Amino acid sequence: MAGGRFPYPKHVWSPSGGWWTQPTNWKSNTAIAVGITGTIVAAAWKYSAENEHRHTRPKGWIPSQIWAKEFRDGEIYGKK
């Protein structure tokens, strides 16, 4: 008998659902989790981009020059 289900202890609890779990709503649960995670990441990204300030000029190109306000406005490191 290869790979069949075997008797397991009913008193054991597992956060992942235990043995042979396949919740019927796993797709909607995954979509909700991805949506919540995406919202949190987007909010953190927006906050970080709005409050980013570099005190010294970067030696080379860095990705945050695409979205950073100080590079976008053309006034890099204040007016001299």
PDB file of N, CA and C in Angstrom:
ATOM      1  N   MET A   1       0.840  -1.157   0.000  1.00  0.00           N
ATOM      2  CA  MET A   1       0.000   0.000   0.000  1.00  0.00           C
ATOM      3  C   MET A   1       0.902   1.244   0.000  1.00  0.00           C
ATOM      4  N   ALA A   2       1.184   1.768  -1.161  1.00  0.00           N
ATOM      5  CA  ALA A   2       2.102   2.901  -1.270  1.00  0.00           C
ATOM      6  C   ALA A   2       1.343   4.220  -1.303  1.00  0.00           C
ATOM      7  N   GLY A   3       1.678   5.116  -0.391  1.00  0.00           N
ATOM      8  CA  GLY A   3       1.156   6.469  -0.418  1.00  0.00           C
ATOM      9  C   GLY A   3      -0.274   6.649   0.045  1.00  0.00           C
ATOM     10  N   GLY A   4      -0.887   5.653   0.635  1.00  0.00           N
ATOM     11  CA  GLY A   4      -2.266   5.794   1.091  1.00  0.00           C
ATOM     12  C   GLY A   4      -2.356   6.597   2.367  1.00  0.00           C
ATOM     13  N   ARG A   5      -3.543   6.991   2.707  1.00  0.00           N
ATOM     14  CA  ARG A   5      -3.729   7.726   3.955  1.00  0.00           C
ATOM     15  C   ARG A   5      -3.648   6.769   5.130  1.00  0.00           C
ATOM     16  N   PHE A   6      -3.082   7.239   6.195  1.00  0.00           N
ATOM     17  CA  PHE A   6      -2.901   6.417   7.375  1.00  0.00           C
ATOM     18  C   PHE A   6      -3.593   7.090   8.549  1.00  0.00           C
ATOM     19  N   PRO A   7      -3.871   6.349   9.609  1.00  0.00           N
ATOM     20  CA  PRO A   7      -4.493   6.966  10.778  1.00  0.00           C
ATOM     21  C   PRO A   7      -3.534   7.949  11.439  1.00  0.00           C
ATOM     22  N   TYR A   8      -4.059   9.111  11.793  1.00  0.00           N
ATOM     23  CA  TYR A   8      -3.230  10.134  12.412  1.00  0.00           C
ATOM     24  C   TYR A   8      -3.891  10.613  13.699  1.00  0.00           C
ATOM     25  N   PRO A   9      -3.111  11.173  14.605  1.00  0.00           N
ATOM     26  CA  PRO A   9      -3.689  11.615  15.875  1.00  0.00           C
ATOM     27  C   PRO A   9      -4.592  12.844  15.671  1.00  0.00           C
ATOM     28  N   LYS A  10      -5.818  12.762  16.130  1.00  0.00           N
ATOM     29  CA  LYS A  10      -6.789  13.847  15.951  1.00  0.00           C
ATOM     30  C   LYS A  10      -6.522  15.017  16.888  1.00  0.00           C
ATOM     31  N   HIS A  11      -5.785  14.815  17.948  1.00  0.00           N
ATOM     32  CA  HIS A  11      -5.549  15.875  18.924  1.00  0.00           C
ATOM     33  C   HIS A  11      -4.392  16.797  18.538  1.00  0.00           C
ATOM     34  N   VAL A  12      -3.670  16.477  17.471  1.00  0.00           N
ATOM     35  CA  VAL A  12      -2.546  17.297  17.043  1.00  0.00           C
ATOM     36  C   VAL A  12      -3.080  18.443  16.187  1.00  0.00           C
ATOM     37  N   TRP A  13      -2.688  19.686  16.554  1.00  0.00           N
ATOM     38  CA  TRP A  13      -3.126  20.850  15.798  1.00  0.00           C
ATOM     39  C   TRP A  13      -1.948  21.395  15.007  1.00  0.00           C
ATOM     40  N   SER A  14      -2.199  21.818  13.807  1.00  0.00           N
ATOM     41  CA  SER A  14      -1.154  22.373  12.957  1.00  0.00           C
ATOM     42  C   SER A  14      -1.653  23.670  12.336  1.00  0.00           C
ATOM     43  N   PRO A  15      -0.847  24.755  12.356  1.00  0.00           N
ATOM     44  CA  PRO A  15      -1.300  26.006  11.755  1.00  0.00           C
ATOM     45  C   PRO A  15      -1.475  25.906  10.244  1.00  0.00           C
ATOM     46  N   SER A  16      -0.825  24.949   9.611  1.00  0.00           N
ATOM     47  CA  SER A  16      -0.969  24.794   8.169  1.00  0.00           C
ATOM     48  C   SER A  16      -2.164  23.930   7.791  1.00  0.00           C
ATOM     49  N   GLY A  17      -2.871  23.418   8.739  1.00  0.00           N
ATOM     50  CA  GLY A  17      -4.072  22.660   8.437  1.00  0.00           C
ATOM     51  C   GLY A  17      -3.968  21.179   8.698  1.00  0.00           C
ATOM     52  N   GLY A  18      -2.799  20.695   9.008  1.00  0.00           N
ATOM     53  CA  GLY A  18      -2.674  19.280   9.337  1.00  0.00           C
ATOM     54  C   GLY A  18      -2.466  18.405   8.120  1.00  0.00           C
ATOM     55  N   TRP A  19      -2.803  17.151   8.297  1.00  0.00           N
ATOM     56  CA  TRP A  19      -2.598  16.168   7.249  1.00  0.00           C
ATOM     57  C   TRP A  19      -3.644  16.325   6.150  1.00  0.00           C
ATOM     58  N   TRP A  20      -3.235  16.182   4.910  1.00  0.00           N
ATOM     59  CA  TRP A  20      -4.082  16.125   3.722  1.00  0.00           C
ATOM     60  C   TRP A  20      -5.072  17.279   3.645  1.00  0.00           C
ATOM     61  N   THR A  21      -4.610  18.450   3.913  1.00  0.00           N
ATOM     62  CA  THR A  21      -5.525  19.583   3.853  1.00  0.00           C
ATOM     63  C   THR A  21      -5.549  20.178   2.447  1.00  0.00           C
ATOM     64  N   GLN A  22      -6.693  20.588   2.032  1.00  0.00           N
ATOM     65  CA  GLN A  22      -6.884  21.297   0.773  1.00  0.00           C
ATOM     66  C   GLN A  22      -8.152  22.124   0.932  1.00  0.00           C
ATOM     67  N   PRO A  23      -8.035  23.296   1.586  1.00  0.00           N
ATOM     68  CA  PRO A  23      -9.230  24.094   1.823  1.00  0.00           C
ATOM     69  C   PRO A  23      -9.911  24.473   0.509  1.00  0.00           C
ATOM     70  N   THR A  24     -11.207  24.524   0.536  1.00  0.00           N
ATOM     71  CA  THR A  24     -11.958  24.824  -0.682  1.00  0.00           C
ATOM     72  C   THR A  24     -11.775  26.270  -1.123  1.00  0.00           C
ATOM     73  N   ASN A  25     -11.470  27.158  -0.206  1.00  0.00           N
ATOM     74  CA  ASN A  25     -11.324  28.563  -0.560  1.00  0.00           C
ATOM     75  C   ASN A  25      -9.865  29.024  -0.555  1.00  0.00           C
ATOM     76  N   TRP A  26      -8.932  28.160  -0.912  1.00  0.00           N
ATOM     77  CA  TRP A  26      -7.529  28.523  -0.866  1.00  0.00           C
ATOM     78  C   TRP A  26      -7.195  29.599  -1.893  1.00  0.00           C
ATOM     79  N   LYS A  27      -7.877  29.612  -3.021  1.00  0.00           N
ATOM     80  CA  LYS A  27      -7.584  30.620  -4.039  1.00  0.00           C
ATOM     81  C   LYS A  27      -7.989  32.012  -3.574  1.00  0.00           C
ATOM     82  N   SER A  28      -9.166  32.127  -2.982  1.00  0.00           N
ATOM     83  CA  SER A  28      -9.595  33.447  -2.504  1.00  0.00           C
ATOM     84  C   SER A  28      -8.762  33.886  -1.304  1.00  0.00           C
ATOM     85  N   ASN A  29      -8.391  32.960  -0.422  1.00  0.00           N
ATOM     86  CA  ASN A  29      -7.522  33.310   0.700  1.00  0.00           C
ATOM     87  C   ASN A  29      -6.162  33.808   0.207  1.00  0.00           C
ATOM     88  N   THR A  30      -5.617  33.163  -0.813  1.00  0.00           N
ATOM     89  CA  THR A  30      -4.338  33.580  -1.374  1.00  0.00           C
ATOM     90  C   THR A  30      -4.462  34.950  -2.028  1.00  0.00           C
ATOM     91  N   ALA A  31      -5.547  35.186  -2.750  1.00  0.00           N
ATOM     92  CA  ALA A  31      -5.756  36.482  -3.393  1.00  0.00           C
ATOM     93  C   ALA A  31      -5.889  37.596  -2.357  1.00  0.00           C
ATOM     94  N   ILE A  32      -6.577  37.333  -1.276  1.00  0.00           N
ATOM     95  CA  ILE A  32      -6.739  38.326  -0.209  1.00  0.00           C
ATOM     96  C   ILE A  32      -5.387  38.619   0.438  1.00  0.00           C
ATOM     97  N   ALA A  33      -4.612  37.579   0.720  1.00  0.00           N
ATOM     98  CA  ALA A  33      -3.289  37.768   1.330  1.00  0.00           C
ATOM     99  C   ALA A  33      -2.359  38.553   0.405  1.00  0.00           C
ATOM    100  N   VAL A  34      -2.381  38.253  -0.880  1.00  0.00           N
ATOM    101  CA  VAL A  34      -1.549  38.972  -1.845  1.00  0.00           C
ATOM    102  C   VAL A  34      -2.000  40.430  -1.943  1.00  0.00           C
ATOM    103  N   GLY A  35      -3.296  40.668  -1.928  1.00  0.00           N
ATOM    104  CA  GLY A  35      -3.815  42.035  -1.986  1.00  0.00           C
ATOM    105  C   GLY A  35      -3.424  42.859  -0.771  1.00  0.00           C
ATOM    106  N   ILE A  36      -3.548  42.279   0.403  1.00  0.00           N
ATOM    107  CA  ILE A  36      -3.176  42.990   1.635  1.00  0.00           C
ATOM    108  C   ILE A  36      -1.674  43.270   1.652  1.00  0.00           C
ATOM    109  N   THR A  37      -0.881  42.272   1.282  1.00  0.00           N
ATOM    110  CA  THR A  37       0.567  42.461   1.239  1.00  0.00           C
ATOM    111  C   THR A  37       0.947  43.532   0.222  1.00  0.00           C
ATOM    112  N   GLY A  38       0.324  43.513  -0.938  1.00  0.00           N
ATOM    113  CA  GLY A  38       0.597  44.516  -1.968  1.00  0.00           C
ATOM    114  C   GLY A  38       0.235  45.919  -1.519  1.00  0.00           C
ATOM    115  N   THR A  39      -0.882  46.050  -0.797  1.00  0.00           N
ATOM    116  CA  THR A  39      -1.296  47.354  -0.287  1.00  0.00           C
ATOM    117  C   THR A  39      -0.302  47.889   0.731  1.00  0.00           C
ATOM    118  N   ILE A  40       0.157  47.038   1.624  1.00  0.00           N
ATOM    119  CA  ILE A  40       1.129  47.459   2.635  1.00  0.00           C
ATOM    120  C   ILE A  40       2.452  47.855   1.978  1.00  0.00           C
ATOM    121  N   VAL A  41       2.903  47.068   1.011  1.00  0.00           N
ATOM    122  CA  VAL A  41       4.155  47.382   0.314  1.00  0.00           C
ATOM    123  C   VAL A  41       4.024  48.695  -0.459  1.00  0.00           C
ATOM    124  N   ALA A  42       2.889  48.914  -1.127  1.00  0.00           N
ATOM    125  CA  ALA A  42       2.686  50.148  -1.883  1.00  0.00           C
ATOM    126  C   ALA A  42       2.672  51.366  -0.962  1.00  0.00           C
ATOM    127  N   ALA A  43       2.025  51.250   0.190  1.00  0.00           N
ATOM    128  CA  ALA A  43       1.991  52.363   1.143  1.00  0.00           C
ATOM    129  C   ALA A  43       3.388  52.660   1.688  1.00  0.00           C
ATOM    130  N   ALA A  44       4.143  51.627   2.018  1.00  0.00           N
ATOM    131  CA  ALA A  44       5.503  51.829   2.521  1.00  0.00           C
ATOM    132  C   ALA A  44       6.392  52.429   1.435  1.00  0.00           C
ATOM    133  N   TRP A  45       6.235  51.978   0.198  1.00  0.00           N
ATOM    134  CA  TRP A  45       7.016  52.498  -0.922  1.00  0.00           C
ATOM    135  C   TRP A  45       6.706  53.977  -1.135  1.00  0.00           C
ATOM    136  N   LYS A  46       5.427  54.337  -1.117  1.00  0.00           N
ATOM    137  CA  LYS A  46       5.006  55.725  -1.321  1.00  0.00           C
ATOM    138  C   LYS A  46       5.559  56.621  -0.213  1.00  0.00           C
ATOM    139  N   TYR A  47       5.445  56.197   1.023  1.00  0.00           N
ATOM    140  CA  TYR A  47       5.957  56.966   2.154  1.00  0.00           C
ATOM    141  C   TYR A  47       7.468  57.147   2.037  1.00  0.00           C
ATOM    142  N   SER A  48       8.158  56.076   1.693  1.00  0.00           N
ATOM    143  CA  SER A  48       9.616  56.135   1.572  1.00  0.00           C
ATOM    144  C   SER A  48      10.035  57.066   0.436  1.00  0.00           C
ATOM    145  N   ALA A  49       9.351  56.989  -0.701  1.00  0.00           N
ATOM    146  CA  ALA A  49       9.713  57.828  -1.848  1.00  0.00           C
ATOM    147  C   ALA A  49       9.450  59.302  -1.558  1.00  0.00           C
ATOM    148  N   GLU A  50       8.384  59.598  -0.823  1.00  0.00           N
ATOM    149  CA  GLU A  50       8.067  60.988  -0.510  1.00  0.00           C
ATOM    150  C   GLU A  50       9.030  61.587   0.508  1.00  0.00           C
ATOM    151  N   ASN A  51       9.574  60.779   1.394  1.00  0.00           N
ATOM    152  CA  ASN A  51      10.432  61.279   2.464  1.00  0.00           C
ATOM    153  C   ASN A  51      11.918  61.019   2.245  1.00  0.00           C
ATOM    154  N   GLU A  52      12.276  60.528   1.077  1.00  0.00           N
ATOM    155  CA  GLU A  52      13.672  60.229   0.801  1.00  0.00           C
ATOM    156  C   GLU A  52      14.444  61.525   0.559  1.00  0.00           C
ATOM    157  N   HIS A  53      15.593  61.639   1.188  1.00  0.00           N
ATOM    158  CA  HIS A  53      16.471  62.783   0.977  1.00  0.00           C
ATOM    159  C   HIS A  53      17.909  62.314   1.087  1.00  0.00           C
ATOM    160  N   ARG A  54      18.676  62.614   0.077  1.00  0.00           N
ATOM    161  CA  ARG A  54      20.084  62.213   0.073  1.00  0.00           C
ATOM    162  C   ARG A  54      20.936  63.417   0.454  1.00  0.00           C
ATOM    163  N   HIS A  55      21.868  63.211   1.351  1.00  0.00           N
ATOM    164  CA  HIS A  55      22.723  64.283   1.823  1.00  0.00           C
ATOM    165  C   HIS A  55      23.978  64.444   0.974  1.00  0.00           C
ATOM    166  N   THR A  56      24.336  63.407   0.261  1.00  0.00           N
ATOM    167  CA  THR A  56      25.489  63.480  -0.637  1.00  0.00           C
ATOM    168  C   THR A  56      25.085  62.948  -1.998  1.00  0.00           C
ATOM    169  N   ARG A  57      25.766  63.442  -3.028  1.00  0.00           N
ATOM    170  CA  ARG A  57      25.463  63.017  -4.388  1.00  0.00           C
ATOM    171  C   ARG A  57      25.911  61.555  -4.579  1.00  0.00           C
ATOM    172  N   PRO A  58      25.068  60.722  -5.198  1.00  0.00           N
ATOM    173  CA  PRO A  58      25.489  59.341  -5.456  1.00  0.00           C
ATOM    174  C   PRO A  58      26.651  59.309  -6.455  1.00  0.00           C
ATOM    175  N   LYS A  59      27.522  58.345  -6.300  1.00  0.00           N
ATOM    176  CA  LYS A  59      28.678  58.243  -7.190  1.00  0.00           C
ATOM    177  C   LYS A  59      28.280  57.766  -8.577  1.00  0.00           C
ATOM    178  N   GLY A  60      27.223  57.001  -8.649  1.00  0.00           N
ATOM    179  CA  GLY A  60      26.716  56.497  -9.923  1.00  0.00           C
ATOM    180  C   GLY A  60      25.199  56.551  -9.930  1.00  0.00           C
ATOM    181  N   TRP A  61      24.633  55.999 -10.982  1.00  0.00           N
ATOM    182  CA  TRP A  61      23.178  55.972 -11.087  1.00  0.00           C
ATOM    183  C   TRP A  61      22.611  54.981 -10.086  1.00  0.00           C
ATOM    184  N   ILE A  62      21.525  55.367  -9.422  1.00  0.00           N
ATOM    185  CA  ILE A  62      20.833  54.471  -8.497  1.00  0.00           C
ATOM    186  C   ILE A  62      19.365  54.446  -8.883  1.00  0.00           C
ATOM    187  N   PRO A  63      18.667  53.339  -8.652  1.00  0.00           N
ATOM    188  CA  PRO A  63      17.283  53.220  -9.086  1.00  0.00           C
ATOM    189  C   PRO A  63      16.339  54.269  -8.490  1.00  0.00           C
ATOM    190  N   SER A  64      16.606  54.755  -7.298  1.00  0.00           N
ATOM    191  CA  SER A  64      15.673  55.697  -6.692  1.00  0.00           C
ATOM    192  C   SER A  64      15.690  57.051  -7.394  1.00  0.00           C
ATOM    193  N   GLN A  65      16.619  57.270  -8.314  1.00  0.00           N
ATOM    194  CA  GLN A  65      16.601  58.501  -9.079  1.00  0.00           C
ATOM    195  C   GLN A  65      15.393  58.563 -10.004  1.00  0.00           C
ATOM    196  N   ILE A  66      14.772  57.456 -10.278  1.00  0.00           N
ATOM    197  CA  ILE A  66      13.584  57.433 -11.130  1.00  0.00           C
ATOM    198  C   ILE A  66      12.400  58.069 -10.409  1.00  0.00           C
ATOM    199  N   TRP A  67      12.229  57.765  -9.120  1.00  0.00           N
ATOM    200  CA  TRP A  67      11.041  58.228  -8.410  1.00  0.00           C
ATOM    201  C   TRP A  67      11.302  59.268  -7.318  1.00  0.00           C
ATOM    202  N   ALA A  68      12.553  59.535  -6.967  1.00  0.00           N
ATOM    203  CA  ALA A  68      12.848  60.477  -5.894  1.00  0.00           C
ATOM    204  C   ALA A  68      12.509  61.900  -6.331  1.00  0.00           C
ATOM    205  N   LYS A  69      11.876  62.650  -5.433  1.00  0.00           N
ATOM    206  CA  LYS A  69      11.430  63.997  -5.725  1.00  0.00           C
ATOM    207  C   LYS A  69      12.593  64.932  -6.056  1.00  0.00           C
ATOM    208  N   GLU A  70      13.695  64.798  -5.361  1.00  0.00           N
ATOM    209  CA  GLU A  70      14.813  65.713  -5.572  1.00  0.00           C
ATOM    210  C   GLU A  70      15.457  65.547  -6.943  1.00  0.00           C
ATOM    211  N   PHE A  71      15.379  64.368  -7.537  1.00  0.00           N
ATOM    212  CA  PHE A  71      15.906  64.163  -8.882  1.00  0.00           C
ATOM    213  C   PHE A  71      14.870  64.531  -9.935  1.00  0.00           C
ATOM    214  N   ARG A  72      13.607  64.307  -9.641  1.00  0.00           N
ATOM    215  CA  ARG A  72      12.530  64.593 -10.569  1.00  0.00           C
ATOM    216  C   ARG A  72      12.337  66.092 -10.773  1.00  0.00           C
ATOM    217  N   ASP A  73      12.460  66.879  -9.715  1.00  0.00           N
ATOM    218  CA  ASP A  73      12.227  68.318  -9.788  1.00  0.00           C
ATOM    219  C   ASP A  73      13.385  69.063 -10.436  1.00  0.00           C
ATOM    220  N   GLY A  74      14.523  68.443 -10.583  1.00  0.00           N
ATOM    221  CA  GLY A  74      15.673  69.085 -11.200  1.00  0.00           C
ATOM    222  C   GLY A  74      16.529  69.828 -10.205  1.00  0.00           C
ATOM    223  N   GLU A  75      16.084  69.982  -9.005  1.00  0.00           N
ATOM    224  CA  GLU A  75      16.864  70.669  -7.978  1.00  0.00           C
ATOM    225  C   GLU A  75      17.569  69.614  -7.127  1.00  0.00           C
ATOM    226  N   ILE A  76      18.714  69.208  -7.586  1.00  0.00           N
ATOM    227  CA  ILE A  76      19.446  68.171  -6.879  1.00  0.00           C
ATOM    228  C   ILE A  76      20.322  68.833  -5.821  1.00  0.00           C
ATOM    229  N   TYR A  77      20.078  68.520  -4.571  1.00  0.00           N
ATOM    230  CA  TYR A  77      20.856  68.971  -3.416  1.00  0.00           C
ATOM    231  C   TYR A  77      20.797  70.480  -3.216  1.00  0.00           C
ATOM    232  N   GLY A  78      19.670  71.078  -3.510  1.00  0.00           N
ATOM    233  CA  GLY A  78      19.481  72.498  -3.233  1.00  0.00           C
ATOM    234  C   GLY A  78      20.102  73.401  -4.285  1.00  0.00           C
ATOM    235  N   LYS A  79      19.732  74.652  -4.207  1.00  0.00           N
ATOM    236  CA  LYS A  79      20.269  75.647  -5.160  1.00  0.00           C
ATOM    237  C   LYS A  79      21.561  76.232  -4.615  1.00  0.00           C
ATOM    238  N   LYS A  80      22.513  76.454  -5.500  1.00  0.00           N
ATOM    239  CA  LYS A  80      23.785  77.047  -5.080  1.00  0.00           C
ATOM    240  C   LYS A  80      24.011  78.345  -5.809  1.00  0.00           C
TER     241      LYS A  80
END
